[in-house]
Structures are given as structure tokens and as C-alpha cells.
Amino acid sequence: MKNSSVLASFLAGLVTVSLQAGEPVAYKQVAPPPPQLYGVGFYGAIDMGANVYQNLRDSIFPLKGPFGFSLDLDQEHDVGIFGGIKLGYVFGTGVVRPTVEGDFFYNGFNFGGDLTLRDPVGDVLRQTNVNTWLNSGAFMANDLSDVSFGDLGQHLVGAGIRFHF
């Protein structure tokens, strides 16, 4: 019995000594949160719309062939669609921020009209209605630098390579 009371006193003394040891704890300073970084990291865009008017007459027709034959197209102007996706990444937070991006673009419209083949005298040899869907696409890879000019804003400077298909 005496051993257990001595042991209890000894343990109480250890706990009391440990509770009194050390200096009072002061409040620790907490670091402020990091500033919000706008315009850094990944970005993307989606664009869509309608092609309302297509006019290829000035660049292709009327087409003059050998021996005076001609091919003429009386176009129909149909509405088409276009769309694209742009993906990129902006590096760093300095005055000059390097950027890489890829731009994928699609353009399509219904192309058609009356196609007329005429002989050298002007007589109609063949007349038919042509209708097809014209599709085009492009991929562009850009290497840009976003340069900050203070109150004048930020401007992009760079170069790119475009592939059409």
C-alpha cells in the first residue's frame, strides 16, 4: 500500500513539473495568403457561329476553257457553320510571360448553284444543278509572349504556324 502511494506521489510530481516547465506560449504569426494569380496557367476558348454569305464567283467563275468554251456558275448562297477550340498555357507572373497555344478551327457551308457549259458561240451545251458541302479546317500552333505595359494593358507578341486541310 505504501508503495502505491509513493508511486502516485511520484507520478503527480512529474506531471506537475511538466505542466510548469517552459515559457508561456505566444501566438504564432500566420503567413498571409498568397496573392490571386490571374491569367496564369491553362486557358481555353470555344467559338461557334454561322457563315451567312459565301461568294466564290469573283475568284473562280466564269471559267474560260480552251477553244472558247466557258463554264459559269450561278451560285446559291446558303448558310454554313464554323467552330473552333483554343487551348493554351501561360507561364510565370513577370512582366513578360511566355505562352504556348493551339487553335483548332472548322468551317463548312453548303455550296451550290446552276452550272452551265457554253460553246464558243454562247450556246448552252450542258446545264445542271450542283450542290455539295464544302469543308475546311485549320490547326495553328502559336508561341506567344504576354507583355505588360502597366496602365496601357497587356499585349501579345509572337509567331505561329498554320496548317489548312
Protein backbone atom coordinates (compact mmCIF):
# COMPACT_ATOMS: atom_id res chain seq x y z
CA MET A 1 0.00 0.00 0.00
CA LYS A 2 2.84 2.27 0.88
CA ASN A 3 4.49 1.59 -2.49
CA SER A 4 1.39 2.56 -4.43
CA SER A 5 1.04 5.88 -2.56
CA VAL A 6 4.73 6.69 -3.16
CA LEU A 7 4.30 5.82 -6.82
CA ALA A 8 1.18 8.00 -7.09
CA SER A 9 3.01 10.93 -5.43
CA PHE A 10 5.98 10.50 -7.73
CA LEU A 11 3.76 10.48 -10.87
CA ALA A 12 1.82 13.52 -9.64
CA GLY A 13 5.13 15.35 -9.14
CA LEU A 14 6.27 14.50 -12.67
CA VAL A 15 3.00 15.73 -14.17
CA THR A 16 3.16 18.93 -12.09
CA VAL A 17 6.76 19.60 -13.10
CA SER A 18 5.97 19.07 -16.77
CA LEU A 19 2.95 21.38 -16.58
CA GLN A 20 5.05 24.16 -15.12
CA ALA A 21 8.02 23.73 -17.46
CA GLY A 22 8.72 26.17 -20.31
CA GLU A 23 7.67 29.73 -21.00
CA PRO A 24 4.16 30.84 -21.85
CA VAL A 25 3.20 30.17 -25.46
CA ALA A 26 2.85 33.33 -27.56
CA TYR A 27 0.52 33.45 -30.55
CA LYS A 28 2.31 32.41 -33.69
CA GLN A 29 2.32 34.70 -36.69
CA VAL A 30 0.42 33.21 -39.63
CA ALA A 31 1.71 33.90 -43.13
CA PRO A 32 -0.67 35.94 -45.30
CA PRO A 33 -2.43 34.02 -48.08
CA PRO A 34 -0.67 34.09 -51.46
CA PRO A 35 -2.00 36.69 -53.91
CA GLN A 36 -4.54 35.63 -56.52
CA LEU A 37 -2.84 34.89 -59.84
CA TYR A 38 -4.99 35.89 -62.80
CA GLY A 39 -4.08 34.96 -66.36
CA VAL A 40 -1.57 32.26 -65.36
CA GLY A 41 -1.82 28.57 -66.18
CA PHE A 42 -4.13 26.76 -68.55
CA TYR A 43 -6.80 28.52 -70.58
CA GLY A 44 -9.24 27.60 -73.30
CA ALA A 45 -11.91 29.03 -75.54
CA ILE A 46 -14.74 27.73 -77.70
CA ASP A 47 -16.17 29.71 -80.60
CA MET A 48 -19.14 28.96 -82.84
CA GLY A 49 -21.16 30.82 -85.41
CA ALA A 50 -22.83 30.94 -88.79
CA ASN A 51 -21.49 31.73 -92.26
CA VAL A 52 -24.30 33.78 -93.68
CA TYR A 53 -22.96 34.70 -97.12
CA GLN A 54 -20.46 32.87 -99.35
CA ASN A 55 -19.30 34.34 -102.64
CA LEU A 56 -16.83 32.39 -104.75
CA ARG A 57 -17.82 33.90 -108.10
CA ASP A 58 -15.07 36.53 -108.12
CA SER A 59 -12.29 34.03 -107.56
CA ILE A 60 -13.37 31.06 -109.74
CA PHE A 61 -16.19 31.76 -112.23
CA PRO A 62 -16.71 32.38 -115.11
CA LEU A 63 -14.05 29.90 -116.12
CA LYS A 64 -12.77 30.18 -119.71
CA GLY A 65 -11.53 26.99 -121.27
CA PRO A 66 -9.65 26.08 -124.45
CA PHE A 67 -11.21 26.89 -127.84
CA GLY A 68 -13.61 29.46 -126.32
CA PHE A 69 -15.68 27.14 -124.14
CA SER A 70 -16.83 28.65 -120.82
CA LEU A 71 -18.18 27.33 -117.56
CA ASP A 72 -20.43 29.58 -115.49
CA LEU A 73 -21.91 29.11 -112.03
CA ASP A 74 -24.98 30.94 -110.80
CA GLN A 75 -24.44 30.50 -107.04
CA GLU A 76 -26.91 29.85 -104.31
CA HIS A 77 -25.84 31.42 -101.04
CA ASP A 78 -26.51 29.02 -98.21
CA VAL A 79 -25.84 29.40 -94.52
CA GLY A 80 -22.96 27.39 -93.07
CA ILE A 81 -21.32 26.90 -89.69
CA PHE A 82 -17.92 27.46 -88.14
CA GLY A 83 -16.45 26.45 -84.82
CA GLY A 84 -13.17 26.18 -83.03
CA ILE A 85 -11.32 25.30 -79.85
CA LYS A 86 -8.29 27.10 -78.46
CA LEU A 87 -6.11 25.63 -75.70
CA GLY A 88 -3.05 27.25 -74.16
CA TYR A 89 -0.81 27.71 -71.15
CA VAL A 90 0.70 30.91 -69.70
CA PHE A 91 3.99 30.55 -67.78
CA GLY A 92 5.10 32.80 -64.91
CA THR A 93 3.92 36.06 -63.39
CA GLY A 94 6.54 38.55 -64.59
CA VAL A 95 6.29 41.45 -66.99
CA VAL A 96 6.96 39.09 -69.93
CA ARG A 97 5.03 35.82 -69.68
CA PRO A 98 5.72 33.11 -72.29
CA THR A 99 2.62 31.42 -73.69
CA VAL A 100 2.02 28.41 -75.94
CA GLU A 101 -1.33 27.68 -77.56
CA GLY A 102 -3.04 25.54 -80.16
CA ASP A 103 -6.04 26.66 -82.20
CA PHE A 104 -8.28 24.12 -83.98
CA PHE A 105 -10.84 25.55 -86.42
CA TYR A 106 -13.58 24.13 -88.67
CA ASN A 107 -15.56 25.92 -91.42
CA GLY A 108 -18.29 24.36 -93.54
CA PHE A 109 -21.11 25.53 -95.78
CA ASN A 110 -23.48 24.19 -98.39
CA PHE A 111 -22.22 25.29 -101.81
CA GLY A 112 -24.31 25.02 -104.91
CA GLY A 113 -25.95 26.59 -107.90
CA ASP A 114 -26.66 26.17 -111.58
CA LEU A 115 -23.60 25.14 -113.59
CA THR A 116 -23.71 25.99 -117.31
CA LEU A 117 -21.26 24.89 -120.01
CA ARG A 118 -21.31 27.07 -123.16
CA ASP A 119 -19.62 26.64 -126.53
CA PRO A 120 -17.60 29.44 -128.20
CA VAL A 121 -20.74 30.86 -129.86
CA GLY A 122 -22.57 31.07 -126.49
CA ASP A 123 -24.98 28.20 -126.95
CA VAL A 124 -25.70 26.10 -123.86
CA LEU A 125 -24.16 22.63 -124.17
CA ARG A 126 -24.98 21.36 -120.68
CA GLN A 127 -26.77 22.81 -117.67
CA THR A 128 -27.06 21.13 -114.30
CA ASN A 129 -27.61 21.93 -110.65
CA VAL A 130 -24.61 21.34 -108.41
CA ASN A 131 -24.90 21.01 -104.66
CA THR A 132 -22.16 19.95 -102.22
CA TRP A 133 -20.97 20.62 -98.70
CA LEU A 134 -17.59 22.41 -98.59
CA ASN A 135 -15.49 21.72 -95.51
CA SER A 136 -12.24 23.28 -94.40
CA GLY A 137 -10.22 23.13 -91.24
CA ALA A 138 -7.13 24.69 -89.77
CA PHE A 139 -4.70 24.00 -86.96
CA MET A 140 -2.48 26.77 -85.66
CA ALA A 141 0.35 26.44 -83.14
CA ASN A 142 1.43 29.71 -81.53
CA ASP A 143 4.40 30.75 -79.42
CA LEU A 144 3.43 34.00 -77.70
CA SER A 145 4.71 36.38 -75.04
CA ASP A 146 2.24 38.34 -72.97
CA VAL A 147 3.93 41.69 -72.25
CA SER A 148 2.57 44.04 -69.58
CA PHE A 149 2.89 47.79 -70.18
CA GLY A 150 1.49 48.97 -66.82
CA ASP A 151 -1.56 51.19 -67.32
CA LEU A 152 -1.50 50.56 -71.09
CA GLY A 153 -2.53 46.93 -70.52
CA GLN A 154 -1.13 43.64 -71.71
CA HIS A 155 -0.25 42.87 -75.31
CA LEU A 156 0.61 39.62 -77.08
CA VAL A 157 3.71 39.34 -79.23
CA GLY A 158 4.50 36.12 -81.04
CA ALA A 159 4.53 33.90 -84.08
CA GLY A 160 2.66 30.84 -85.24
CA ILE A 161 2.41 28.14 -87.89
CA ARG A 162 -0.95 27.40 -89.55
CA PHE A 163 -1.94 24.21 -91.34
CA HIS A 164 -5.05 24.10 -93.55
CA PHE A 165 -6.82 20.90 -94.52
